[in-house]
Amino acid sequence: MSCLSRLTIAAVNRAANDTGNASEQVLDVSRELTAKAQNLKSVVEKFLTEVRAA
């Protein structure tokens, strides 16, 4: 295997690892956003219930 082939394989490997790390970060943030959206939904529903009762 040539030096260029080894460098190319190493670069592809690094890029794959970087992509994996980035996808994990996106998943973490999407989970956090989902939790915040669910909380906001609960707060809005409670508010609307109180407004309707007033």
N, C-alpha and C. Protein backbone atom coordinates (compact mmCIF):
# COMPACT_ATOMS: atom_id res chain seq x y z
N MET A 1 0.86 -1.17 0.00
CA MET A 1 0.00 0.00 0.00
C MET A 1 0.91 1.24 0.00
N SER A 2 0.55 2.18 -0.82
CA SER A 2 1.37 3.38 -0.93
C SER A 2 1.10 4.33 0.24
N CYS A 3 2.00 5.25 0.38
CA CYS A 3 1.87 6.27 1.45
C CYS A 3 0.60 7.09 1.24
N LEU A 4 0.32 7.41 -0.02
CA LEU A 4 -0.87 8.20 -0.33
C LEU A 4 -2.14 7.43 0.04
N SER A 5 -2.15 6.14 -0.21
CA SER A 5 -3.32 5.31 0.14
C SER A 5 -3.52 5.30 1.65
N ARG A 6 -2.43 5.16 2.39
CA ARG A 6 -2.55 5.15 3.85
C ARG A 6 -3.06 6.49 4.37
N LEU A 7 -2.57 7.58 3.78
CA LEU A 7 -3.05 8.91 4.20
C LEU A 7 -4.52 9.09 3.87
N THR A 8 -4.92 8.61 2.71
CA THR A 8 -6.32 8.74 2.31
C THR A 8 -7.22 7.93 3.23
N ILE A 9 -6.80 6.70 3.56
CA ILE A 9 -7.58 5.87 4.47
C ILE A 9 -7.66 6.52 5.84
N ALA A 10 -6.56 7.08 6.30
CA ALA A 10 -6.55 7.75 7.60
C ALA A 10 -7.48 8.96 7.59
N ALA A 11 -7.47 9.71 6.49
CA ALA A 11 -8.34 10.89 6.40
C ALA A 11 -9.81 10.48 6.39
N VAL A 12 -10.13 9.41 5.67
CA VAL A 12 -11.51 8.93 5.63
C VAL A 12 -11.92 8.45 7.02
N ASN A 13 -11.03 7.76 7.70
CA ASN A 13 -11.31 7.28 9.05
C ASN A 13 -11.58 8.44 10.00
N ARG A 14 -10.76 9.48 9.94
CA ARG A 14 -10.97 10.66 10.79
C ARG A 14 -12.30 11.34 10.45
N ALA A 15 -12.59 11.44 9.17
CA ALA A 15 -13.85 12.07 8.76
C ALA A 15 -15.05 11.27 9.25
N ALA A 16 -14.95 9.95 9.20
CA ALA A 16 -16.04 9.10 9.69
C ALA A 16 -16.21 9.28 11.20
N ASN A 17 -15.11 9.35 11.92
CA ASN A 17 -15.20 9.58 13.37
C ASN A 17 -15.80 10.94 13.68
N ASP A 18 -15.38 11.95 12.94
CA ASP A 18 -15.93 13.29 13.14
C ASP A 18 -17.43 13.32 12.87
N THR A 19 -17.84 12.61 11.82
CA THR A 19 -19.26 12.55 11.48
C THR A 19 -20.04 11.86 12.58
N GLY A 20 -19.49 10.78 13.12
CA GLY A 20 -20.13 10.08 14.22
C GLY A 20 -20.28 10.96 15.44
N ASN A 21 -19.23 11.70 15.76
CA ASN A 21 -19.29 12.61 16.91
C ASN A 21 -20.33 13.71 16.70
N ALA A 22 -20.36 14.25 15.49
CA ALA A 22 -21.33 15.30 15.20
C ALA A 22 -22.76 14.77 15.30
N SER A 23 -22.97 13.56 14.81
CA SER A 23 -24.33 13.00 14.87
C SER A 23 -24.76 12.76 16.32
N GLU A 24 -23.83 12.37 17.17
CA GLU A 24 -24.15 12.20 18.59
C GLU A 24 -24.54 13.53 19.22
N GLN A 25 -23.84 14.59 18.85
CA GLN A 25 -24.17 15.91 19.38
C GLN A 25 -25.56 16.35 18.91
N VAL A 26 -25.87 16.11 17.64
CA VAL A 26 -27.19 16.47 17.12
C VAL A 26 -28.27 15.69 17.85
N LEU A 27 -28.04 14.41 18.09
CA LEU A 27 -29.01 13.59 18.81
C LEU A 27 -29.22 14.11 20.22
N ASP A 28 -28.14 14.47 20.92
CA ASP A 28 -28.25 15.01 22.28
C ASP A 28 -29.07 16.29 22.29
N VAL A 29 -28.77 17.19 21.35
CA VAL A 29 -29.49 18.46 21.31
C VAL A 29 -30.95 18.24 20.94
N SER A 30 -31.22 17.31 20.04
CA SER A 30 -32.62 17.06 19.68
C SER A 30 -33.40 16.47 20.85
N ARG A 31 -32.75 15.64 21.65
CA ARG A 31 -33.42 15.12 22.85
C ARG A 31 -33.72 16.24 23.83
N GLU A 32 -32.76 17.14 24.00
CA GLU A 32 -32.96 18.27 24.90
C GLU A 32 -34.10 19.16 24.40
N LEU A 33 -34.12 19.40 23.11
CA LEU A 33 -35.17 20.23 22.53
C LEU A 33 -36.54 19.57 22.68
N THR A 34 -36.60 18.27 22.51
CA THR A 34 -37.85 17.54 22.69
C THR A 34 -38.36 17.69 24.12
N ALA A 35 -37.46 17.56 25.08
CA ALA A 35 -37.85 17.70 26.49
C ALA A 35 -38.37 19.11 26.76
N LYS A 36 -37.70 20.12 26.22
CA LYS A 36 -38.14 21.50 26.43
C LYS A 36 -39.48 21.76 25.76
N ALA A 37 -39.69 21.18 24.58
CA ALA A 37 -40.96 21.35 23.88
C ALA A 37 -42.09 20.70 24.66
N GLN A 38 -41.84 19.53 25.23
CA GLN A 38 -42.86 18.86 26.03
C GLN A 38 -43.20 19.68 27.27
N ASN A 39 -42.18 20.26 27.89
CA ASN A 39 -42.41 21.11 29.06
C ASN A 39 -43.21 22.34 28.68
N LEU A 40 -42.86 22.96 27.57
CA LEU A 40 -43.59 24.14 27.11
C LEU A 40 -45.04 23.80 26.82
N LYS A 41 -45.28 22.65 26.20
CA LYS A 41 -46.64 22.21 25.92
C LYS A 41 -47.44 22.09 27.21
N SER A 42 -46.85 21.52 28.23
CA SER A 42 -47.53 21.36 29.52
C SER A 42 -47.87 22.72 30.13
N VAL A 43 -46.92 23.63 30.07
CA VAL A 43 -47.14 24.97 30.63
C VAL A 43 -48.26 25.69 29.89
N VAL A 44 -48.25 25.59 28.56
CA VAL A 44 -49.28 26.26 27.75
C VAL A 44 -50.65 25.64 28.02
N GLU A 45 -50.71 24.31 28.11
CA GLU A 45 -51.98 23.65 28.40
C GLU A 45 -52.53 24.07 29.76
N LYS A 46 -51.66 24.16 30.74
CA LYS A 46 -52.09 24.60 32.08
C LYS A 46 -52.60 26.03 32.02
N PHE A 47 -51.88 26.89 31.32
CA PHE A 47 -52.29 28.29 31.18
C PHE A 47 -53.66 28.39 30.51
N LEU A 48 -53.84 27.65 29.42
CA LEU A 48 -55.12 27.71 28.71
C LEU A 48 -56.27 27.17 29.57
N THR A 49 -56.00 26.15 30.35
CA THR A 49 -57.01 25.62 31.26
C THR A 49 -57.42 26.68 32.27
N GLU A 50 -56.45 27.41 32.80
CA GLU A 50 -56.73 28.46 33.78
C GLU A 50 -57.47 29.62 33.13
N VAL A 51 -57.13 29.96 31.91
CA VAL A 51 -57.82 31.05 31.21
C VAL A 51 -59.27 30.65 30.95
N ARG A 52 -59.49 29.43 30.52
CA ARG A 52 -60.86 28.97 30.25
C ARG A 52 -61.71 28.95 31.52
N ALA A 53 -61.07 28.65 32.65
CA ALA A 53 -61.80 28.57 33.92
C ALA A 53 -62.11 29.96 34.49
N ALA A 54 -61.41 30.95 34.03
CA ALA A 54 -61.59 32.31 34.58
C ALA A 54 -62.84 32.98 34.05
